[in-house]
Amino acid sequence: MLDAELPGIKRFARGKVRDVFEVNGLLLIVATDRLSAFDVVLRDPIPGKGRVLNGLSEFWFRRFQGVVANHMLTTEPAEFPEVFRPYLSVLAGRSMLVRKARPLPVECVVRGYLAGSGWKEYEESGKVCGIELPRGLRQADKLPGPVFTPATKASTGHDENITYARMAELVGKELAAKVRDASLAVYAQAEEYARSRGIIIADTKLEFGLTDGELILIDEALTPDSSRFWDAGVYRPGTSPRSYDKQFVRDYLERVGWNKTPPAPRLPAEVVAGTSQRYREAFRLITGRELF
């Protein structure tokens, strides 16, 4: 599914991956099979991807209810408002009814390992998002401890890394501390659990919002779209580890020399199939269930 079309229902927003609809003050988030890479939405859907994102988010939201509240109400289509009944076959497995919240204007990134843009920055300066790190670290090395590196959210283009001090200016010192502590707690517990299931969560991006003054986790949680999932069985520092996320697509796009501006190249069938297989495997390892 590239697009969720629900005629007669108000579309609240269309993101890079999700289509959001509003009914009775609640939101229905539909995870499509769209994939974005380097902040550009690709033209080729990844079969089953939306179901993986929806199912994993549900899994983590339930697991971390005692750590931080979240926006999820239900993923059962039979429990959705009556207006969605004509579309149950479309919505099953890829949709979530949630509480509406006011999103905070920051992305909450937690890094446990040196990878991606963090690795490139470390090579140049010995720092990641302004945080000084020990000398001599290699690509994919585990950091001495997870670091919280916020970024500003961009509706188009790339997010921009900011300091924690700047985040505190944007949302207030007290709220910034709550968000930082909740992000680190979620990452630490998720990383420990995932490692026991054969996956290293190298880093992840979380989003928070406020509803009736309560801080809650929103959007998605710890999926292959928002995290780096590495195969713990073959992980070796000093290399780019085998992953269960969209790095497989990024690597292809880098190889063909794409300039990272729209339109993106079409994906070969083997890249589409390989990406779908990796997402499904991440779902199976973490949840212990096959993707239905």
Protein backbone atom coordinates (compact mmCIF):
# COMPACT_ATOMS: atom_id res chain seq x y z
CA MET A 1 0.00 0.00 0.00
CA LEU A 2 1.47 3.32 -1.12
CA ASP A 3 -1.44 5.50 0.01
CA ALA A 4 -4.35 5.08 2.42
CA GLU A 5 -7.49 6.39 0.77
CA LEU A 6 -10.55 6.57 3.06
CA PRO A 7 -13.19 8.56 1.16
CA GLY A 8 -15.42 10.65 3.39
CA ILE A 9 -13.00 10.71 6.34
CA LYS A 10 -11.00 13.85 7.15
CA ARG A 11 -7.32 13.49 6.41
CA PHE A 12 -5.39 15.10 9.26
CA ALA A 13 -1.89 14.75 7.80
CA ARG A 14 0.21 12.87 5.28
CA GLY A 15 3.72 12.08 6.40
CA LYS A 16 6.58 10.42 4.57
CA VAL A 17 5.33 6.99 5.62
CA ARG A 18 2.02 7.45 7.49
CA ASP A 19 -1.41 8.74 6.53
CA VAL A 20 -3.33 10.20 9.46
CA PHE A 21 -7.12 10.65 9.74
CA GLU A 22 -9.15 12.48 12.39
CA VAL A 23 -12.51 11.41 13.83
CA ASN A 24 -14.17 12.61 17.06
CA GLY A 25 -10.99 14.21 18.38
CA LEU A 26 -8.97 11.01 17.91
CA LEU A 27 -6.42 10.15 15.24
CA LEU A 28 -6.11 7.00 13.16
CA ILE A 29 -2.54 6.44 12.00
CA VAL A 30 -2.18 4.19 8.96
CA ALA A 31 1.32 2.86 8.28
CA THR A 32 1.78 2.51 4.52
CA ASP A 33 4.51 0.60 2.69
CA ARG A 34 6.20 3.83 1.60
CA LEU A 35 9.91 4.13 2.36
CA SER A 36 11.93 7.30 2.68
CA ALA A 37 15.70 7.41 2.34
CA PHE A 38 17.82 10.51 2.80
CA ASP A 39 14.52 12.32 3.48
CA VAL A 40 13.07 11.52 0.05
CA VAL A 41 10.05 9.23 -0.36
CA LEU A 42 10.88 6.47 -2.82
CA ARG A 43 8.51 5.40 -5.57
CA ASP A 44 8.68 1.67 -4.82
CA PRO A 45 6.72 0.29 -1.84
CA ILE A 46 8.26 -2.35 0.45
CA PRO A 47 5.70 -5.18 0.86
CA GLY A 48 4.64 -5.71 4.48
CA LYS A 49 6.61 -2.71 5.76
CA GLY A 50 3.59 -0.87 7.18
CA ARG A 51 2.51 -3.95 9.10
CA VAL A 52 5.99 -4.27 10.60
CA LEU A 53 6.01 -0.64 11.74
CA ASN A 54 2.52 -0.88 13.22
CA GLY A 55 3.12 -4.23 14.93
CA LEU A 56 6.48 -3.31 16.41
CA SER A 57 5.23 0.05 17.67
CA GLU A 58 2.32 -1.73 19.36
CA PHE A 59 4.73 -4.23 20.92
CA TRP A 60 7.01 -1.54 22.36
CA PHE A 61 4.17 0.75 23.48
CA ARG A 62 2.73 -2.10 25.54
CA ARG A 63 6.13 -3.08 26.89
CA PHE A 64 7.03 0.43 28.07
CA GLN A 65 3.72 1.57 29.51
CA GLY A 66 5.32 1.55 32.96
CA VAL A 67 8.24 3.71 31.80
CA VAL A 68 6.38 6.45 29.91
CA ALA A 69 2.77 6.78 28.76
CA ASN A 70 2.01 6.66 25.04
CA HIS A 71 -0.73 7.69 22.64
CA MET A 72 -1.96 4.21 21.63
CA LEU A 73 -5.60 3.32 22.29
CA THR A 74 -6.05 0.20 20.14
CA THR A 75 -4.88 -1.55 16.98
CA GLU A 76 -8.04 -3.67 16.72
CA PRO A 77 -10.11 -2.43 13.74
CA ALA A 78 -13.31 -3.75 15.35
CA GLU A 79 -12.73 -1.20 18.15
CA PHE A 80 -12.30 1.75 15.78
CA PRO A 81 -15.12 4.32 15.42
CA GLU A 82 -18.03 3.19 13.23
CA VAL A 83 -16.99 5.43 10.36
CA PHE A 84 -13.97 3.19 9.67
CA ARG A 85 -16.00 -0.03 9.32
CA PRO A 86 -16.14 0.04 5.48
CA TYR A 87 -12.34 0.02 5.41
CA LEU A 88 -11.49 -2.71 7.91
CA SER A 89 -9.81 -4.94 5.33
CA VAL A 90 -7.52 -2.06 4.34
CA LEU A 91 -6.76 -1.02 7.91
CA ALA A 92 -6.21 -4.44 9.50
CA GLY A 93 -2.64 -4.90 10.73
CA ARG A 94 -1.38 -1.48 9.70
CA SER A 95 -3.40 1.06 11.70
CA MET A 96 -3.52 2.41 15.23
CA LEU A 97 -6.15 4.56 16.95
CA VAL A 98 -4.40 7.10 19.16
CA ARG A 99 -4.93 10.06 21.45
CA LYS A 100 -4.28 13.42 19.91
CA ALA A 101 -1.27 15.24 21.32
CA ARG A 102 0.71 18.42 20.76
CA PRO A 103 4.05 17.18 19.40
CA LEU A 104 7.20 18.63 20.88
CA PRO A 105 9.33 20.44 18.26
CA VAL A 106 12.28 18.07 18.70
CA GLU A 107 13.39 14.60 17.66
CA CYS A 108 14.81 12.62 20.57
CA VAL A 109 17.76 10.56 19.38
CA VAL A 110 19.60 8.11 21.63
CA ARG A 111 22.88 6.66 20.38
CA GLY A 112 24.44 3.60 21.95
CA TYR A 113 26.91 2.87 19.16
CA LEU A 114 28.97 4.91 16.73
CA ALA A 115 27.26 4.82 13.35
CA GLY A 116 25.80 6.86 10.51
CA SER A 117 26.17 10.63 10.74
CA GLY A 118 27.53 10.24 14.27
CA TRP A 119 30.45 8.19 12.97
CA LYS A 120 31.17 10.72 10.20
CA GLU A 121 31.14 13.58 12.70
CA TYR A 122 33.38 11.68 15.12
CA GLU A 123 35.92 11.04 12.36
CA GLU A 124 36.11 14.79 11.73
CA SER A 125 35.96 16.20 15.25
CA GLY A 126 36.07 13.46 17.87
CA LYS A 127 32.58 14.53 18.91
CA VAL A 128 28.97 13.54 18.23
CA CYS A 129 26.49 16.41 18.28
CA GLY A 130 28.98 18.39 20.33
CA ILE A 131 29.53 15.62 22.89
CA GLU A 132 33.20 14.78 23.38
CA LEU A 133 33.94 11.05 23.02
CA PRO A 134 37.07 9.01 23.82
CA ARG A 135 39.75 8.89 21.15
CA GLY A 136 40.40 5.81 19.05
CA LEU A 137 36.83 4.59 18.62
CA ARG A 138 36.02 2.58 15.49
CA GLN A 139 32.94 2.53 13.31
CA ALA A 140 30.14 0.63 15.10
CA ASP A 141 31.96 0.66 18.45
CA LYS A 142 29.75 0.65 21.52
CA LEU A 143 29.87 4.00 23.29
CA PRO A 144 30.91 4.20 26.97
CA GLY A 145 27.25 4.94 27.66
CA PRO A 146 24.19 5.93 25.59
CA VAL A 147 24.11 9.62 24.63
CA PHE A 148 21.06 11.79 24.09
CA THR A 149 21.37 13.95 20.96
CA PRO A 150 18.22 15.93 20.11
CA ALA A 151 17.42 17.43 16.73
CA THR A 152 14.92 19.90 15.39
CA LYS A 153 12.07 18.39 13.37
CA ALA A 154 11.86 19.37 9.73
CA SER A 155 8.68 18.94 7.68
CA THR A 156 10.86 18.97 4.58
CA GLY A 157 14.58 18.40 4.19
CA HIS A 158 16.92 17.17 6.88
CA ASP A 159 16.52 17.42 10.65
CA GLU A 160 19.21 19.52 12.31
CA ASN A 161 21.13 18.33 15.35
CA ILE A 162 20.95 20.70 18.31
CA THR A 163 22.49 20.80 21.76
CA TYR A 164 20.60 19.79 24.88
CA ALA A 165 20.83 23.41 26.02
CA ARG A 166 19.07 24.53 22.85
CA MET A 167 16.39 21.89 23.39
CA ALA A 168 15.85 23.24 26.91
CA GLU A 169 15.35 26.69 25.43
CA LEU A 170 12.73 25.32 23.02
CA VAL A 171 10.65 23.26 25.46
CA GLY A 172 11.71 24.43 28.92
CA LYS A 173 14.29 22.99 31.33
CA GLU A 174 11.93 20.79 33.31
CA LEU A 175 10.28 19.22 30.27
CA ALA A 176 13.62 18.78 28.51
CA ALA A 177 14.93 16.78 31.48
CA LYS A 178 11.83 14.57 31.52
CA VAL A 179 12.12 13.89 27.80
CA ARG A 180 15.85 13.13 28.02
CA ASP A 181 15.42 10.77 30.97
CA ALA A 182 12.45 8.97 29.37
CA SER A 183 14.35 8.57 26.09
CA LEU A 184 17.40 7.10 27.79
CA ALA A 185 15.27 4.76 29.93
CA VAL A 186 13.32 3.46 26.93
CA TYR A 187 16.50 2.92 24.91
CA ALA A 188 18.35 1.14 27.71
CA GLN A 189 15.54 -1.32 28.35
CA ALA A 190 14.83 -1.87 24.65
CA GLU A 191 18.50 -2.43 23.85
CA GLU A 192 18.83 -5.02 26.61
CA TYR A 193 15.70 -6.88 25.50
CA ALA A 194 16.54 -6.77 21.79
CA ARG A 195 20.05 -8.06 22.38
CA SER A 196 18.55 -11.10 24.12
CA ARG A 197 16.61 -11.66 20.87
CA GLY A 198 19.65 -11.37 18.60
CA ILE A 199 19.37 -7.70 17.63
CA ILE A 200 21.56 -4.76 18.62
CA ILE A 201 19.71 -1.44 18.63
CA ALA A 202 22.56 0.88 17.74
CA ASP A 203 20.46 4.04 17.96
CA THR A 204 16.86 5.15 17.83
CA LYS A 205 14.72 8.22 17.31
CA LEU A 206 11.71 8.87 19.55
CA GLU A 207 9.00 11.52 19.50
CA PHE A 208 7.04 12.92 22.41
CA GLY A 209 3.98 15.09 22.78
CA LEU A 210 1.74 16.61 25.42
CA THR A 211 -1.91 15.78 25.99
CA ASP A 212 -3.75 17.41 28.89
CA GLY A 213 -0.35 18.35 30.29
CA GLU A 214 0.90 14.74 30.27
CA LEU A 215 4.12 13.79 28.49
CA ILE A 216 3.52 10.82 26.18
CA LEU A 217 5.42 8.85 23.58
CA ILE A 218 3.90 9.34 20.12
CA ASP A 219 4.35 8.45 16.44
CA GLU A 220 6.25 5.13 16.30
CA ALA A 221 8.64 3.35 18.60
CA LEU A 222 11.82 1.37 17.93
CA THR A 223 11.10 0.25 14.38
CA PRO A 224 13.53 -0.42 11.49
CA ASP A 225 12.51 2.99 10.12
CA SER A 226 13.42 4.92 13.27
CA SER A 227 16.32 2.77 14.55
CA ARG A 228 19.44 0.93 13.45
CA PHE A 229 18.93 -2.78 14.04
CA TRP A 230 22.10 -4.85 13.73
CA ASP A 231 22.49 -8.62 13.62
CA ALA A 232 24.09 -9.39 16.99
CA GLY A 233 25.34 -12.76 15.74
CA VAL A 234 27.74 -11.27 13.20
CA TYR A 235 28.39 -7.85 14.77
CA ARG A 236 32.01 -6.77 14.59
CA PRO A 237 33.27 -3.24 15.40
CA GLY A 238 35.27 -1.56 12.65
CA THR A 239 32.77 -2.44 9.92
CA SER A 240 29.27 -1.49 8.80
CA PRO A 241 27.28 -4.27 10.52
CA ARG A 242 24.64 -6.38 8.77
CA SER A 243 21.34 -4.71 9.55
CA TYR A 244 17.59 -5.33 9.72
CA ASP A 245 16.64 -1.79 8.73
CA LYS A 246 16.68 0.50 5.69
CA GLN A 247 20.48 0.69 5.56
CA PHE A 248 20.21 -1.96 2.84
CA VAL A 249 18.38 0.60 0.67
CA ARG A 250 20.69 3.45 1.65
CA ASP A 251 23.71 1.36 0.63
CA TYR A 252 22.17 0.69 -2.79
CA LEU A 253 21.38 4.36 -3.36
CA GLU A 254 24.94 5.30 -2.38
CA ARG A 255 26.36 2.70 -4.79
CA VAL A 256 24.44 4.07 -7.78
CA GLY A 257 25.65 7.59 -7.06
CA TRP A 258 22.26 9.22 -6.47
CA ASN A 259 22.60 12.90 -5.52
CA LYS A 260 19.92 12.54 -2.79
CA THR A 261 17.51 14.98 -4.37
CA PRO A 262 14.11 14.02 -5.86
CA PRO A 263 13.28 12.04 -7.80
CA ALA A 264 14.98 8.99 -6.32
CA PRO A 265 16.03 6.08 -8.57
CA ARG A 266 13.67 3.13 -8.86
CA LEU A 267 14.64 0.18 -6.66
CA PRO A 268 15.50 -3.15 -8.32
CA ALA A 269 13.26 -6.09 -7.38
CA GLU A 270 16.07 -7.70 -5.37
CA VAL A 271 16.53 -4.57 -3.23
CA VAL A 272 12.77 -4.35 -2.58
CA ALA A 273 12.63 -8.06 -1.66
CA GLY A 274 15.76 -7.86 0.48
CA THR A 275 14.45 -4.88 2.42
CA SER A 276 11.08 -6.54 3.01
CA GLN A 277 12.82 -9.68 4.26
CA ARG A 278 14.96 -7.69 6.71
CA TYR A 279 11.97 -5.81 8.14
CA ARG A 280 10.02 -9.04 8.57
CA GLU A 281 12.97 -10.73 10.25
CA ALA A 282 13.29 -7.84 12.71
CA PHE A 283 9.61 -8.24 13.57
CA ARG A 284 9.99 -12.01 14.06
CA LEU A 285 13.08 -11.76 16.25
CA ILE A 286 11.75 -9.03 18.51
CA THR A 287 8.15 -10.18 18.92
CA GLY A 288 8.62 -13.95 18.54
CA ARG A 289 5.82 -13.95 15.96
CA GLU A 290 5.69 -14.23 12.20
CA LEU A 291 4.25 -11.27 10.33
CA PHE A 292 0.69 -12.24 9.46
